[in-house]
Amino acid sequence: MNLGPYICGPNSSMENGIYFGDANVLSLEIPDNSVDLIFTDPIYSNIEDYEWLAKLGQRVLKPGKSLMAMAGNLEKPRIYDVMRPYLDYHWEAAVIYRGANFFMNSRAIQVSWKPILWFTKGKREPKWCKDALTESCYPKQHGRYQQSPTSAIWFIRQLTYPNNIILDPFCGFGTFPVACKTLHRHYLGFEINPNATTIARQRLSQLSPLPLPPITQQLNLV
């Protein structure tokens, strides 16, 4: 299976599943009902991006599949308001950090966890999934907004099977595609920053997937 059945926007070729360009334009080429999971980390203050994301999920997700988007606690009420008209709210997952690394001075709060908003396209198949992961703070080699692949690997492993297609429309330095490749998932990553696109492609080209587990274990991953 190809990572994508098309060449998107200004790209002359698809390189390691990472496409350079505006996600609004690139996403137009994704067929309806073709994606098994959207896992992404938008800019939390850009509420309009979350609304666009929900509209996209309504179109491209397969029935019963999930969209998981990281968010900030301050922005959550507005994000829920703009996403609920298009997808069904399922749950709120969390990444809990050992040793808080951020201070919200305006609220006098030492932040030690990050929410992941979980929506579905229709009713999700009733497969069990743990809703919280504890991990150490991840070194941000490429920029302050870089996320850890650990949490992405955890949730992608529980929500998908090998060879499923995962979309990250705001892939940045490619952390979530790295998690997908590690787990033998197909991925589509869109990034508008050319420098971040180059780094993401380099990271993916240097990565070897984990050995594929026996099929009996694969079936127990979700």
C-alpha atoms as a PDB file:
ATOM      1  CA  MET A   1       0.000   0.000   0.000  1.00  0.00           C
ATOM      2  CA  ASN A   2       1.276   3.451  -0.859  1.00  0.00           C
ATOM      3  CA  LEU A   3       1.408   6.080   1.870  1.00  0.00           C
ATOM      4  CA  GLY A   4      -0.765   8.274  -0.298  1.00  0.00           C
ATOM      5  CA  PRO A   5      -2.407   7.816  -3.690  1.00  0.00           C
ATOM      6  CA  TYR A   6      -1.504  11.295  -4.865  1.00  0.00           C
ATOM      7  CA  ILE A   7       1.115  14.026  -5.141  1.00  0.00           C
ATOM      8  CA  CYS A   8      -0.057  16.948  -3.010  1.00  0.00           C
ATOM      9  CA  GLY A   9       0.198  20.619  -3.870  1.00  0.00           C
ATOM     10  CA  PRO A  10       3.727  21.910  -4.523  1.00  0.00           C
ATOM     11  CA  ASN A  11       5.403  18.534  -3.915  1.00  0.00           C
ATOM     12  CA  SER A  12       7.073  16.962  -6.914  1.00  0.00           C
ATOM     13  CA  SER A  13       7.248  13.681  -5.006  1.00  0.00           C
ATOM     14  CA  MET A  14       6.126  12.139  -1.732  1.00  0.00           C
ATOM     15  CA  GLU A  15       9.100  11.706   0.599  1.00  0.00           C
ATOM     16  CA  ASN A  16       8.694   9.454   3.647  1.00  0.00           C
ATOM     17  CA  GLY A  17       4.998  10.307   3.904  1.00  0.00           C
ATOM     18  CA  ILE A  18       5.678  13.990   4.679  1.00  0.00           C
ATOM     19  CA  TYR A  19       4.096  16.580   2.397  1.00  0.00           C
ATOM     20  CA  PHE A  20       5.099  20.250   2.308  1.00  0.00           C
ATOM     21  CA  GLY A  21       2.345  22.822   2.012  1.00  0.00           C
ATOM     22  CA  ASP A  22      -0.874  24.197   3.465  1.00  0.00           C
ATOM     23  CA  ALA A  23      -2.934  21.450   5.123  1.00  0.00           C
ATOM     24  CA  ASN A  24      -6.131  23.165   3.911  1.00  0.00           C
ATOM     25  CA  VAL A  25      -5.033  22.533   0.326  1.00  0.00           C
ATOM     26  CA  LEU A  26      -3.243  19.206   0.751  1.00  0.00           C
ATOM     27  CA  SER A  27      -6.160  17.627   2.607  1.00  0.00           C
ATOM     28  CA  LEU A  28      -8.473  18.141  -0.374  1.00  0.00           C
ATOM     29  CA  GLU A  29      -6.775  15.186  -2.038  1.00  0.00           C
ATOM     30  CA  ILE A  30      -7.544  12.727   0.772  1.00  0.00           C
ATOM     31  CA  PRO A  31     -10.384  10.399  -0.238  1.00  0.00           C
ATOM     32  CA  ASP A  32     -13.516  10.311   1.888  1.00  0.00           C
ATOM     33  CA  ASN A  33     -13.712   7.589   4.563  1.00  0.00           C
ATOM     34  CA  SER A  34     -10.074   6.531   4.096  1.00  0.00           C
ATOM     35  CA  VAL A  35      -8.230   7.389   7.335  1.00  0.00           C
ATOM     36  CA  ASP A  36      -8.038   5.132  10.409  1.00  0.00           C
ATOM     37  CA  LEU A  37      -6.883   7.771  12.906  1.00  0.00           C
ATOM     38  CA  ILE A  38      -6.096  11.483  13.045  1.00  0.00           C
ATOM     39  CA  PHE A  39      -3.486  12.170  15.724  1.00  0.00           C
ATOM     40  CA  THR A  40      -2.160  15.709  15.870  1.00  0.00           C
ATOM     41  CA  ASP A  41      -0.957  18.658  17.934  1.00  0.00           C
ATOM     42  CA  PRO A  42      -2.311  21.994  16.629  1.00  0.00           C
ATOM     43  CA  ILE A  43      -1.359  25.407  18.004  1.00  0.00           C
ATOM     44  CA  TYR A  44      -3.671  25.581  21.010  1.00  0.00           C
ATOM     45  CA  SER A  45      -4.690  29.217  20.609  1.00  0.00           C
ATOM     46  CA  ASN A  46      -5.734  28.717  16.965  1.00  0.00           C
ATOM     47  CA  ILE A  47      -9.291  27.639  17.725  1.00  0.00           C
ATOM     48  CA  GLU A  48     -10.221  27.862  14.033  1.00  0.00           C
ATOM     49  CA  ASP A  49      -7.716  25.069  13.299  1.00  0.00           C
ATOM     50  CA  TYR A  50      -9.612  22.733  15.628  1.00  0.00           C
ATOM     51  CA  GLU A  51     -12.885  23.501  13.868  1.00  0.00           C
ATOM     52  CA  TRP A  52     -11.246  22.823  10.507  1.00  0.00           C
ATOM     53  CA  LEU A  53      -9.791  19.621  11.940  1.00  0.00           C
ATOM     54  CA  ALA A  54     -13.213  18.394  13.050  1.00  0.00           C
ATOM     55  CA  LYS A  55     -14.678  19.121   9.615  1.00  0.00           C
ATOM     56  CA  LEU A  56     -11.809  17.211   8.032  1.00  0.00           C
ATOM     57  CA  GLY A  57     -12.334  14.265  10.368  1.00  0.00           C
ATOM     58  CA  GLN A  58     -16.025  14.193   9.539  1.00  0.00           C
ATOM     59  CA  ARG A  59     -15.105  13.677   5.896  1.00  0.00           C
ATOM     60  CA  VAL A  60     -11.951  11.542   5.791  1.00  0.00           C
ATOM     61  CA  LEU A  61     -12.222   9.286   8.843  1.00  0.00           C
ATOM     62  CA  LYS A  62     -13.666   5.849   8.379  1.00  0.00           C
ATOM     63  CA  PRO A  63     -16.919   5.308  10.307  1.00  0.00           C
ATOM     64  CA  GLY A  64     -16.237   4.601  13.966  1.00  0.00           C
ATOM     65  CA  LYS A  65     -12.636   5.837  13.849  1.00  0.00           C
ATOM     66  CA  SER A  66     -11.016   8.422  16.106  1.00  0.00           C
ATOM     67  CA  LEU A  67      -9.506  11.885  16.076  1.00  0.00           C
ATOM     68  CA  MET A  68      -7.132  12.696  18.943  1.00  0.00           C
ATOM     69  CA  ALA A  69      -5.847  16.253  19.275  1.00  0.00           C
ATOM     70  CA  MET A  70      -3.599  17.651  21.962  1.00  0.00           C
ATOM     71  CA  ALA A  71      -4.832  20.881  23.531  1.00  0.00           C
ATOM     72  CA  GLY A  72      -4.219  23.396  26.280  1.00  0.00           C
ATOM     73  CA  ASN A  73      -6.418  23.473  29.363  1.00  0.00           C
ATOM     74  CA  LEU A  74      -7.270  27.144  28.933  1.00  0.00           C
ATOM     75  CA  GLU A  75      -8.520  26.622  25.388  1.00  0.00           C
ATOM     76  CA  LYS A  76     -10.491  23.411  25.960  1.00  0.00           C
ATOM     77  CA  PRO A  77     -13.971  24.936  26.435  1.00  0.00           C
ATOM     78  CA  ARG A  78     -13.777  26.845  23.150  1.00  0.00           C
ATOM     79  CA  ILE A  79     -12.237  23.872  21.336  1.00  0.00           C
ATOM     80  CA  TYR A  80     -15.046  21.579  22.443  1.00  0.00           C
ATOM     81  CA  ASP A  81     -17.617  24.115  21.279  1.00  0.00           C
ATOM     82  CA  VAL A  82     -16.221  24.258  17.733  1.00  0.00           C
ATOM     83  CA  MET A  83     -15.577  20.518  17.321  1.00  0.00           C
ATOM     84  CA  ARG A  84     -18.786  19.016  18.679  1.00  0.00           C
ATOM     85  CA  PRO A  85     -20.985  20.006  15.700  1.00  0.00           C
ATOM     86  CA  TYR A  86     -18.961  17.725  13.415  1.00  0.00           C
ATOM     87  CA  LEU A  87     -17.773  14.757  15.495  1.00  0.00           C
ATOM     88  CA  ASP A  88     -18.891  12.876  18.591  1.00  0.00           C
ATOM     89  CA  TYR A  89     -17.075  13.615  21.842  1.00  0.00           C
ATOM     90  CA  HIS A  90     -15.678  10.324  23.147  1.00  0.00           C
ATOM     91  CA  TRP A  91     -13.287  11.001  26.016  1.00  0.00           C
ATOM     92  CA  GLU A  92     -10.380  13.071  27.275  1.00  0.00           C
ATOM     93  CA  ALA A  93      -7.039  11.299  27.593  1.00  0.00           C
ATOM     94  CA  ALA A  94      -3.970  12.641  29.384  1.00  0.00           C
ATOM     95  CA  VAL A  95      -0.196  12.626  29.315  1.00  0.00           C
ATOM     96  CA  ILE A  96       1.156  13.105  32.851  1.00  0.00           C
ATOM     97  CA  TYR A  97       4.742  14.323  33.154  1.00  0.00           C
ATOM     98  CA  ARG A  98       7.163  13.289  35.890  1.00  0.00           C
ATOM     99  CA  GLY A  99       8.326  16.689  37.046  1.00  0.00           C
ATOM    100  CA  ALA A 100       6.239  19.615  35.842  1.00  0.00           C
ATOM    101  CA  ASN A 101       8.053  21.693  33.242  1.00  0.00           C
ATOM    102  CA  PHE A 102       5.748  24.636  32.646  1.00  0.00           C
ATOM    103  CA  PHE A 103       4.303  27.387  34.837  1.00  0.00           C
ATOM    104  CA  MET A 104       1.020  29.118  34.020  1.00  0.00           C
ATOM    105  CA  ASN A 105       1.779  32.383  35.805  1.00  0.00           C
ATOM    106  CA  SER A 106      -1.593  33.976  35.073  1.00  0.00           C
ATOM    107  CA  ARG A 107      -3.327  31.123  36.915  1.00  0.00           C
ATOM    108  CA  ALA A 108      -0.566  30.358  39.465  1.00  0.00           C
ATOM    109  CA  ILE A 109      -0.474  26.733  38.317  1.00  0.00           C
ATOM    110  CA  GLN A 110       2.475  24.440  37.799  1.00  0.00           C
ATOM    111  CA  VAL A 111       1.346  22.378  34.824  1.00  0.00           C
ATOM    112  CA  SER A 112       2.104  18.659  35.058  1.00  0.00           C
ATOM    113  CA  TRP A 113      -0.200  17.092  32.468  1.00  0.00           C
ATOM    114  CA  LYS A 114      -1.507  17.643  28.960  1.00  0.00           C
ATOM    115  CA  PRO A 115      -5.003  16.766  27.705  1.00  0.00           C
ATOM    116  CA  ILE A 116      -5.686  14.892  24.480  1.00  0.00           C
ATOM    117  CA  LEU A 117      -9.197  15.521  23.184  1.00  0.00           C
ATOM    118  CA  TRP A 118     -10.784  12.410  21.741  1.00  0.00           C
ATOM    119  CA  PHE A 119     -13.583  12.535  19.191  1.00  0.00           C
ATOM    120  CA  THR A 120     -15.034   9.833  16.971  1.00  0.00           C
ATOM    121  CA  LYS A 121     -16.918   9.657  13.698  1.00  0.00           C
ATOM    122  CA  GLY A 122     -20.013   7.889  14.922  1.00  0.00           C
ATOM    123  CA  LYS A 123     -19.962   5.182  17.550  1.00  0.00           C
ATOM    124  CA  ARG A 124     -16.545   3.672  18.226  1.00  0.00           C
ATOM    125  CA  GLU A 125     -16.069  -0.069  18.313  1.00  0.00           C
ATOM    126  CA  PRO A 126     -16.016  -0.991  22.035  1.00  0.00           C
ATOM    127  CA  LYS A 127     -12.344  -1.898  22.438  1.00  0.00           C
ATOM    128  CA  TRP A 128     -10.660  -1.086  25.713  1.00  0.00           C
ATOM    129  CA  CYS A 129      -8.080   1.695  25.861  1.00  0.00           C
ATOM    130  CA  LYS A 130      -6.294   3.125  28.892  1.00  0.00           C
ATOM    131  CA  ASP A 131      -6.787   6.890  29.022  1.00  0.00           C
ATOM    132  CA  ALA A 132      -3.599   8.160  30.693  1.00  0.00           C
ATOM    133  CA  LEU A 133       0.136   7.743  30.264  1.00  0.00           C
ATOM    134  CA  THR A 134       2.902   8.873  32.614  1.00  0.00           C
ATOM    135  CA  GLU A 135       6.236   9.765  31.065  1.00  0.00           C
ATOM    136  CA  SER A 136       9.358  11.797  31.692  1.00  0.00           C
ATOM    137  CA  CYS A 137       9.739  15.233  30.158  1.00  0.00           C
ATOM    138  CA  TYR A 138      11.076  14.857  26.632  1.00  0.00           C
ATOM    139  CA  PRO A 139      14.147  16.793  25.423  1.00  0.00           C
ATOM    140  CA  LYS A 140      13.069  19.239  22.711  1.00  0.00           C
ATOM    141  CA  GLN A 141      15.888  18.881  20.203  1.00  0.00           C
ATOM    142  CA  HIS A 142      14.170  20.653  17.320  1.00  0.00           C
ATOM    143  CA  GLY A 143      12.026  23.320  18.972  1.00  0.00           C
ATOM    144  CA  ARG A 144       9.936  24.271  22.010  1.00  0.00           C
ATOM    145  CA  TYR A 145       6.764  22.737  20.577  1.00  0.00           C
ATOM    146  CA  GLN A 146       8.282  19.322  19.841  1.00  0.00           C
ATOM    147  CA  GLN A 147       6.313  16.495  21.450  1.00  0.00           C
ATOM    148  CA  SER A 148       7.482  13.169  22.799  1.00  0.00           C
ATOM    149  CA  PRO A 149       6.980  10.120  20.559  1.00  0.00           C
ATOM    150  CA  THR A 150       6.319   8.011  23.673  1.00  0.00           C
ATOM    151  CA  SER A 151       2.750   9.169  24.214  1.00  0.00           C
ATOM    152  CA  ALA A 152       1.972   8.981  20.490  1.00  0.00           C
ATOM    153  CA  ILE A 153       3.315   5.426  20.304  1.00  0.00           C
ATOM    154  CA  TRP A 154       1.204   4.494  23.321  1.00  0.00           C
ATOM    155  CA  PHE A 155      -2.125   5.729  21.946  1.00  0.00           C
ATOM    156  CA  ILE A 156      -1.529   4.858  18.285  1.00  0.00           C
ATOM    157  CA  ARG A 157      -0.675   1.305  19.315  1.00  0.00           C
ATOM    158  CA  GLN A 158      -3.937   0.999  21.232  1.00  0.00           C
ATOM    159  CA  LEU A 159      -6.164   2.573  18.593  1.00  0.00           C
ATOM    160  CA  THR A 160      -4.849   1.132  15.314  1.00  0.00           C
ATOM    161  CA  TYR A 161      -3.429  -1.964  13.655  1.00  0.00           C
ATOM    162  CA  PRO A 162      -0.248  -2.326  11.575  1.00  0.00           C
ATOM    163  CA  ASN A 163      -0.748  -0.916   8.053  1.00  0.00           C
ATOM    164  CA  ASN A 164      -3.588   1.370   9.132  1.00  0.00           C
ATOM    165  CA  ILE A 165      -3.392   4.966   7.858  1.00  0.00           C
ATOM    166  CA  ILE A 166      -2.775   7.766  10.364  1.00  0.00           C
ATOM    167  CA  LEU A 167      -2.990  11.449   9.439  1.00  0.00           C
ATOM    168  CA  ASP A 168      -1.199  14.339  11.157  1.00  0.00           C
ATOM    169  CA  PRO A 169      -2.161  17.585   9.363  1.00  0.00           C
ATOM    170  CA  PHE A 170       0.179  19.685  11.558  1.00  0.00           C
ATOM    171  CA  CYS A 171       3.163  17.358  11.776  1.00  0.00           C
ATOM    172  CA  GLY A 172       5.909  19.857  12.634  1.00  0.00           C
ATOM    173  CA  PHE A 173       9.196  18.013  13.048  1.00  0.00           C
ATOM    174  CA  GLY A 174       7.565  14.649  12.356  1.00  0.00           C
ATOM    175  CA  THR A 175       7.240  13.215  15.856  1.00  0.00           C
ATOM    176  CA  PHE A 176       3.869  11.555  15.290  1.00  0.00           C
ATOM    177  CA  PRO A 177       4.889  10.107  11.878  1.00  0.00           C
ATOM    178  CA  VAL A 178       7.982   8.747  13.686  1.00  0.00           C
ATOM    179  CA  ALA A 179       5.635   6.960  16.094  1.00  0.00           C
ATOM    180  CA  CYS A 180       3.630   5.595  13.151  1.00  0.00           C
ATOM    181  CA  LYS A 181       6.659   4.249  11.314  1.00  0.00           C
ATOM    182  CA  THR A 182       7.953   2.689  14.521  1.00  0.00           C
ATOM    183  CA  LEU A 183       4.685   0.759  14.767  1.00  0.00           C
ATOM    184  CA  HIS A 184       4.398  -0.211  11.063  1.00  0.00           C
ATOM    185  CA  ARG A 185       1.528   2.198  10.445  1.00  0.00           C
ATOM    186  CA  HIS A 186       1.151   4.157   7.217  1.00  0.00           C
ATOM    187  CA  TYR A 187       1.176   7.892   7.784  1.00  0.00           C
ATOM    188  CA  LEU A 188       0.444  11.174   6.070  1.00  0.00           C
ATOM    189  CA  GLY A 189       2.081  14.259   7.536  1.00  0.00           C
ATOM    190  CA  PHE A 190       1.418  17.813   6.341  1.00  0.00           C
ATOM    191  CA  GLU A 191       3.706  20.710   7.290  1.00  0.00           C
ATOM    192  CA  ILE A 192       3.736  24.308   6.060  1.00  0.00           C
ATOM    193  CA  ASN A 193       7.183  25.213   7.439  1.00  0.00           C
ATOM    194  CA  PRO A 194       9.895  24.169   4.935  1.00  0.00           C
ATOM    195  CA  ASN A 195      12.600  23.808   7.599  1.00  0.00           C
ATOM    196  CA  ALA A 196      10.402  21.591   9.760  1.00  0.00           C
ATOM    197  CA  THR A 197       9.459  19.559   6.683  1.00  0.00           C
ATOM    198  CA  THR A 198      13.132  18.894   5.913  1.00  0.00           C
ATOM    199  CA  ILE A 199      13.845  17.819   9.492  1.00  0.00           C
ATOM    200  CA  ALA A 200      10.791  15.563   9.568  1.00  0.00           C
ATOM    201  CA  ARG A 201      11.813  13.848   6.340  1.00  0.00           C
ATOM    202  CA  GLN A 202      15.353  13.330   7.629  1.00  0.00           C
ATOM    203  CA  ARG A 203      14.089  11.826  10.877  1.00  0.00           C
ATOM    204  CA  LEU A 204      11.836   9.399   9.017  1.00  0.00           C
ATOM    205  CA  SER A 205      14.553   8.379   6.553  1.00  0.00           C
ATOM    206  CA  GLN A 206      16.876   7.421   9.416  1.00  0.00           C
ATOM    207  CA  LEU A 207      14.319   5.408  11.371  1.00  0.00           C
ATOM    208  CA  SER A 208      13.876   1.641  11.313  1.00  0.00           C
ATOM    209  CA  PRO A 209      10.526   0.233  12.448  1.00  0.00           C
ATOM    210  CA  LEU A 210      10.312  -2.084  15.438  1.00  0.00           C
ATOM    211  CA  PRO A 211      10.128  -5.816  14.641  1.00  0.00           C
ATOM    212  CA  LEU A 212       6.541  -6.689  13.819  1.00  0.00           C
ATOM    213  CA  PRO A 213       4.972  -8.811  16.614  1.00  0.00           C
ATOM    214  CA  PRO A 214       3.066 -12.039  15.927  1.00  0.00           C
ATOM    215  CA  ILE A 215      -0.456 -11.537  14.644  1.00  0.00           C
ATOM    216  CA  THR A 216      -1.931 -12.778  17.944  1.00  0.00           C
ATOM    217  CA  GLN A 217      -0.146  -9.956  19.768  1.00  0.00           C
ATOM    218  CA  GLN A 218      -1.143  -7.429  17.129  1.00  0.00           C
ATOM    219  CA  LEU A 219      -4.790  -8.227  17.735  1.00  0.00           C
ATOM    220  CA  ASN A 220      -4.328  -7.521  21.450  1.00  0.00           C
ATOM    221  CA  LEU A 221      -2.830  -4.070  20.878  1.00  0.00           C
ATOM    222  CA  VAL A 222      -6.150  -2.272  20.524  1.00  0.00           C
END
